[in-house]
Protein backbone atom coordinates (compact mmCIF):
# COMPACT_ATOMS: atom_id res chain seq x y z
CA MET A 1 18.86 41.30 36.72
CA SER A 2 16.96 38.81 38.82
CA THR A 3 16.47 35.10 37.93
CA ALA A 4 12.71 35.73 37.25
CA THR A 5 13.55 38.55 34.74
CA ALA A 6 16.21 36.41 33.03
CA GLU A 7 13.69 33.55 32.46
CA ARG A 8 10.90 35.80 31.14
CA GLY A 9 9.64 34.38 27.75
CA SER A 10 11.02 30.86 28.32
CA GLY A 11 7.49 29.49 28.59
CA GLY A 12 6.71 30.73 25.08
CA VAL A 13 9.80 29.12 23.73
CA LEU A 14 8.95 25.91 25.33
CA ALA A 15 5.32 26.00 24.04
CA LEU A 16 6.66 26.64 20.44
CA ALA A 17 9.06 23.69 20.84
CA ALA A 18 6.13 21.45 22.00
CA LEU A 19 3.92 22.59 19.12
CA ALA A 20 6.85 21.86 16.59
CA MET A 21 7.31 18.38 18.05
CA LEU A 22 3.54 17.75 17.79
CA ALA A 23 3.55 18.85 14.19
CA VAL A 24 6.46 16.54 13.33
CA LEU A 25 4.76 13.59 15.00
CA THR A 26 1.55 14.27 13.24
CA LEU A 27 3.24 14.47 9.87
CA ALA A 28 5.05 11.16 10.65
CA ALA A 29 1.67 9.47 11.64
CA VAL A 30 0.12 10.63 8.43
CA GLY A 31 3.10 9.26 6.41
CA VAL A 32 2.92 5.86 8.12
CA GLY A 33 -0.93 5.80 7.46
CA ALA A 34 -0.48 6.53 3.79
CA ALA A 35 2.12 3.86 3.48
CA LEU A 36 -0.05 1.28 5.13
CA ALA A 37 -2.96 2.22 3.00
CA ALA A 38 -0.87 1.83 -0.23
CA ARG A 39 0.42 -1.47 1.04
CA GLN A 40 -3.12 -2.79 1.66
CA ARG A 41 -4.20 -1.49 -1.84
CA VAL A 42 -1.36 -3.43 -3.52
CA ILE A 43 -2.26 -6.56 -1.48
CA ALA A 44 -5.89 -6.26 -2.59
CA ALA A 45 -4.78 -5.77 -6.14
CA ALA A 46 -2.68 -8.97 -6.08
CA ASP A 47 -5.53 -10.96 -4.46
CA ALA A 48 -8.20 -9.72 -6.84
CA GLY A 49 -5.87 -10.22 -9.89
CA ALA A 50 -5.13 -13.82 -8.94
CA LEU A 51 -8.85 -14.55 -8.37
CA ALA A 52 -9.71 -13.01 -11.77
CA ALA A 53 -6.96 -15.01 -13.48
CA ALA A 54 -8.03 -18.28 -11.83
CA ASP A 55 -11.70 -17.68 -12.65
CA THR A 56 -10.75 -17.04 -16.31
CA ALA A 57 -8.51 -20.07 -16.45
CA ILE A 58 -11.37 -22.17 -15.09
CA GLY A 59 -13.72 -20.75 -17.73
CA ILE A 60 -15.99 -18.77 -15.43
CA HIS A 61 -15.12 -15.55 -17.35
CA PRO A 62 -13.93 -15.18 -20.93
CA GLY A 63 -10.60 -13.93 -21.97
CA VAL A 64 -6.88 -14.63 -21.39
CA PRO A 65 -6.21 -15.11 -17.56
CA CYS A 66 -3.10 -12.90 -17.33
CA THR A 67 -4.70 -10.18 -19.42
CA VAL A 68 -7.71 -10.18 -17.15
CA ALA A 69 -5.41 -10.12 -14.15
CA ALA A 70 -3.59 -7.11 -15.45
CA GLU A 71 -6.83 -5.24 -16.03
CA VAL A 72 -8.06 -6.04 -12.36
CA VAL A 73 -4.62 -5.02 -10.92
CA ALA A 74 -4.63 -1.77 -13.00
CA ALA A 75 -8.12 -0.99 -11.66
CA HIS A 76 -6.63 -1.07 -8.25
CA ARG A 77 -4.04 1.51 -9.21
CA ALA A 78 -1.23 -1.07 -9.12
CA THR A 79 1.04 -2.64 -11.68
CA LEU A 80 1.15 -6.34 -12.63
CA VAL A 81 4.75 -7.52 -12.14
CA ALA A 82 4.21 -11.34 -12.83
CA CYS A 83 1.38 -13.62 -13.72
CA GLU A 84 2.02 -17.33 -13.72
CA LEU A 85 -0.41 -20.18 -14.52
CA GLU A 86 -0.04 -23.78 -13.49
CA GLY A 87 -3.14 -25.45 -14.85
CA VAL A 88 -5.92 -23.45 -13.36
CA VAL A 89 -3.90 -22.06 -10.44
CA ALA A 90 -2.88 -18.48 -10.91
CA THR A 91 -0.08 -16.62 -9.05
CA VAL A 92 -0.12 -12.92 -9.45
CA THR A 93 2.55 -10.38 -8.19
CA ALA A 94 1.45 -6.72 -8.06
CA ALA A 95 3.50 -3.63 -7.17
CA GLY A 96 2.81 -0.05 -6.29
CA SER A 97 4.70 2.75 -4.67
CA VAL A 98 4.27 5.30 -1.90
CA ALA A 99 6.74 8.22 -1.55
CA GLY A 100 9.22 6.47 -3.86
CA VAL A 101 9.15 3.11 -1.93
CA VAL A 102 8.05 0.10 -4.00
CA VAL A 103 5.59 -2.26 -2.31
CA THR A 104 5.01 -5.69 -3.80
CA ALA A 105 2.50 -8.38 -3.01
CA ARG A 106 2.05 -11.89 -4.33
CA SER A 107 -1.16 -13.94 -4.31
CA ARG A 108 -2.20 -17.40 -5.43
CA ALA A 109 -5.76 -18.51 -6.26
CA GLY A 110 -7.27 -21.60 -7.79
CA PRO A 111 -9.47 -24.58 -6.88
CA PRO A 112 -8.82 -26.34 -3.57
CA ARG A 113 -6.36 -29.21 -3.75
């Protein structure tokens, strides 16, 4: 058996290996993209919740500041973890998860000091 005959079909195996590696890298990139999108969603939820709580504490909107913050955070598909008020300054912590990994974000809002 010659060397050329022994190596027949090795190009096909190499091509399949390259396609498998490309598929793995694509799936990894999609997973990282989903995680980053979830992280940004939780950050936006915390920011919006803190602004809503501060606006309510100041009197711009009616209601209880932390209740309003919880509603805003929930609208962003996140969970309110903590809501603290110091006068009219609100600090909100929101959480969400992607693929079982919990992502949290904390935001503070109120009038300038």
